[in-house]
């Protein structure tokens, strides 16, 4: 599990995100990429040499684009991505992080210490809720 340079690893990062968000969840391609990517810290996980999971941390402390390819789900890879992002946030001086969780993933984030904030909303046709965590 590594924090990687976006420019050097953008192909792998976008392959994973497009596989999960665009192909599986039918999120429009235009919503998968944004202008924030070059300024974010990106985590990339590999398994047997293949890029299998990613996530990012914005300069404001927002975790997002957490995605794990289908064959590696429920094997702890997503948790490792999140733990790396949380450690990165703490090392960069963030006292709190937040994310937009897809509602089906609320239990996953709660196990990592996140708590829901506010109400459920729809983004790109998928129910989300804001979740936050204080870093100790």
Protein backbone atom coordinates (compact mmCIF):
# COMPACT_ATOMS: atom_id res chain seq x y z
CA UNK A 1 0.00 0.00 0.00
CA UNK A 2 1.67 3.20 -1.13
CA UNK A 3 1.02 6.90 -1.35
CA UNK A 4 1.91 7.51 -4.99
CA UNK A 5 2.59 10.37 -7.36
CA UNK A 6 -0.60 11.08 -9.31
CA UNK A 7 1.08 11.85 -12.63
CA UNK A 8 3.18 8.70 -12.52
CA UNK A 9 0.24 6.44 -11.62
CA UNK A 10 -2.79 8.16 -13.14
CA UNK A 11 -3.44 5.30 -15.60
CA UNK A 12 -3.78 2.72 -12.80
CA UNK A 13 -5.75 5.09 -10.57
CA UNK A 14 -8.29 5.87 -13.27
CA UNK A 15 -8.51 2.27 -14.44
CA UNK A 16 -9.65 1.21 -10.96
CA UNK A 17 -12.02 4.14 -10.50
CA UNK A 18 -13.57 3.71 -13.94
CA UNK A 19 -13.98 -0.04 -13.40
CA UNK A 20 -15.83 0.51 -10.13
CA UNK A 21 -17.67 3.78 -10.58
CA UNK A 22 -18.30 4.04 -14.33
CA UNK A 23 -18.64 0.39 -15.38
CA UNK A 24 -20.19 -1.15 -12.23
CA UNK A 25 -22.13 1.75 -10.75
CA UNK A 26 -22.94 3.58 -13.99
CA UNK A 27 -21.55 6.91 -12.80
CA UNK A 28 -21.05 9.19 -15.82
CA UNK A 29 -17.39 9.34 -16.83
CA UNK A 30 -17.43 13.14 -16.51
CA UNK A 31 -18.03 12.78 -12.74
CA UNK A 32 -15.24 10.29 -12.13
CA UNK A 33 -12.42 12.74 -12.87
CA UNK A 34 -12.15 16.29 -11.60
CA UNK A 35 -9.63 19.09 -11.38
CA UNK A 36 -8.68 18.12 -7.80
CA UNK A 37 -6.75 14.96 -8.68
CA UNK A 38 -3.35 16.63 -9.29
CA UNK A 39 -3.49 18.30 -5.84
CA UNK A 40 -4.53 15.20 -3.87
CA UNK A 41 -2.56 12.50 -2.12
CA UNK A 42 -3.36 9.19 -3.83
CA UNK A 43 -3.08 5.70 -2.38
CA UNK A 44 -2.61 2.74 -4.69
CA UNK A 45 -2.77 -0.92 -3.70
CA UNK A 46 -1.31 -3.72 -5.80
CA UNK A 47 -1.84 -7.45 -5.64
CA UNK A 48 0.48 -9.74 -7.62
CA UNK A 49 1.63 -6.68 -9.55
CA UNK A 50 -1.89 -5.55 -10.50
CA UNK A 51 -3.41 -2.25 -9.36
CA UNK A 52 -6.47 -3.27 -7.35
CA UNK A 53 -7.53 -0.38 -5.10
CA UNK A 54 -7.18 3.35 -4.73
CA UNK A 55 -8.37 6.37 -2.78
CA UNK A 56 -7.43 10.00 -2.38
CA UNK A 57 -7.12 12.76 0.20
CA UNK A 58 -7.76 16.35 -0.80
CA UNK A 59 -5.76 19.23 0.71
CA UNK A 60 -8.90 20.11 2.74
CA UNK A 61 -9.01 16.68 4.40
CA UNK A 62 -11.73 15.07 2.30
CA UNK A 63 -11.25 11.38 1.56
CA UNK A 64 -12.77 10.19 -1.67
CA UNK A 65 -12.73 7.98 -4.73
CA UNK A 66 -12.10 4.95 -2.50
CA UNK A 67 -12.50 1.95 -4.77
CA UNK A 68 -11.50 -1.70 -4.78
CA UNK A 69 -11.79 -3.94 -7.83
CA UNK A 70 -14.36 -6.72 -7.57
CA UNK A 71 -12.07 -9.73 -7.02
CA UNK A 72 -10.33 -8.15 -4.00
CA UNK A 73 -13.37 -6.86 -2.10
CA UNK A 74 -14.01 -8.11 1.42
CA UNK A 75 -10.36 -9.07 1.84
CA UNK A 76 -9.25 -6.05 3.87
CA UNK A 77 -7.80 -4.08 0.97
CA UNK A 78 -10.30 -1.23 1.35
CA UNK A 79 -9.50 -1.02 5.05
CA UNK A 80 -5.78 -0.80 4.23
CA UNK A 81 -6.46 1.99 1.72
CA UNK A 82 -8.42 3.88 4.37
CA UNK A 83 -5.82 3.32 7.09
CA UNK A 84 -3.13 4.66 4.76
CA UNK A 85 -5.26 7.71 3.90
CA UNK A 86 -5.97 8.34 7.59
CA UNK A 87 -2.27 8.07 8.48
CA UNK A 88 -1.44 10.43 5.61
CA UNK A 89 -4.03 12.94 6.80
CA UNK A 90 -2.67 12.84 10.33
CA UNK A 91 0.93 13.20 9.12
CA UNK A 92 -0.12 16.24 7.10
CA UNK A 93 -1.61 17.89 10.19
CA UNK A 94 -5.31 17.31 9.65
CA UNK A 95 -7.24 17.06 12.91
CA UNK A 96 -10.39 15.86 11.17
CA UNK A 97 -11.30 14.16 7.90
CA UNK A 98 -14.61 13.70 6.15
CA UNK A 99 -16.04 11.83 3.19
CA UNK A 100 -19.19 11.29 1.16
CA UNK A 101 -20.12 7.67 1.86
CA UNK A 102 -22.37 5.65 -0.36
CA UNK A 103 -25.08 4.57 2.07
CA UNK A 104 -24.41 0.85 1.59
CA UNK A 105 -20.85 1.49 2.84
CA UNK A 106 -21.82 3.22 6.11
CA UNK A 107 -20.96 0.14 8.26
CA UNK A 108 -17.52 -0.09 6.62
CA UNK A 109 -16.70 3.51 7.53
CA UNK A 110 -18.25 3.24 11.01
CA UNK A 111 -15.82 0.40 11.79
CA UNK A 112 -13.03 2.87 11.01
CA UNK A 113 -14.44 5.40 13.49
CA UNK A 114 -16.44 7.62 11.13
CA UNK A 115 -19.81 9.01 12.20
CA UNK A 116 -22.65 10.16 9.97
CA UNK A 117 -23.39 13.87 9.72
CA UNK A 118 -26.51 15.40 8.24
CA UNK A 119 -28.99 13.81 5.91
CA UNK A 120 -28.88 11.36 3.06
CA UNK A 121 -28.60 12.97 -0.38
CA UNK A 122 -28.37 11.71 -3.95
CA UNK A 123 -25.23 12.24 -5.98
CA UNK A 124 -24.97 10.82 -9.50
CA UNK A 125 -28.06 8.73 -8.75
CA UNK A 126 -26.57 7.05 -5.65
CA UNK A 127 -27.59 7.75 -2.04
CA UNK A 128 -24.74 9.26 0.00
CA UNK A 129 -24.25 10.72 3.45
CA UNK A 130 -21.42 12.85 4.83
CA UNK A 131 -19.31 11.12 7.46
CA UNK A 132 -16.54 12.59 9.58
CA UNK A 133 -13.79 11.41 11.89
CA UNK A 134 -11.65 13.25 14.40
CA UNK A 135 -8.02 12.15 14.17
CA UNK A 136 -6.35 11.53 17.51
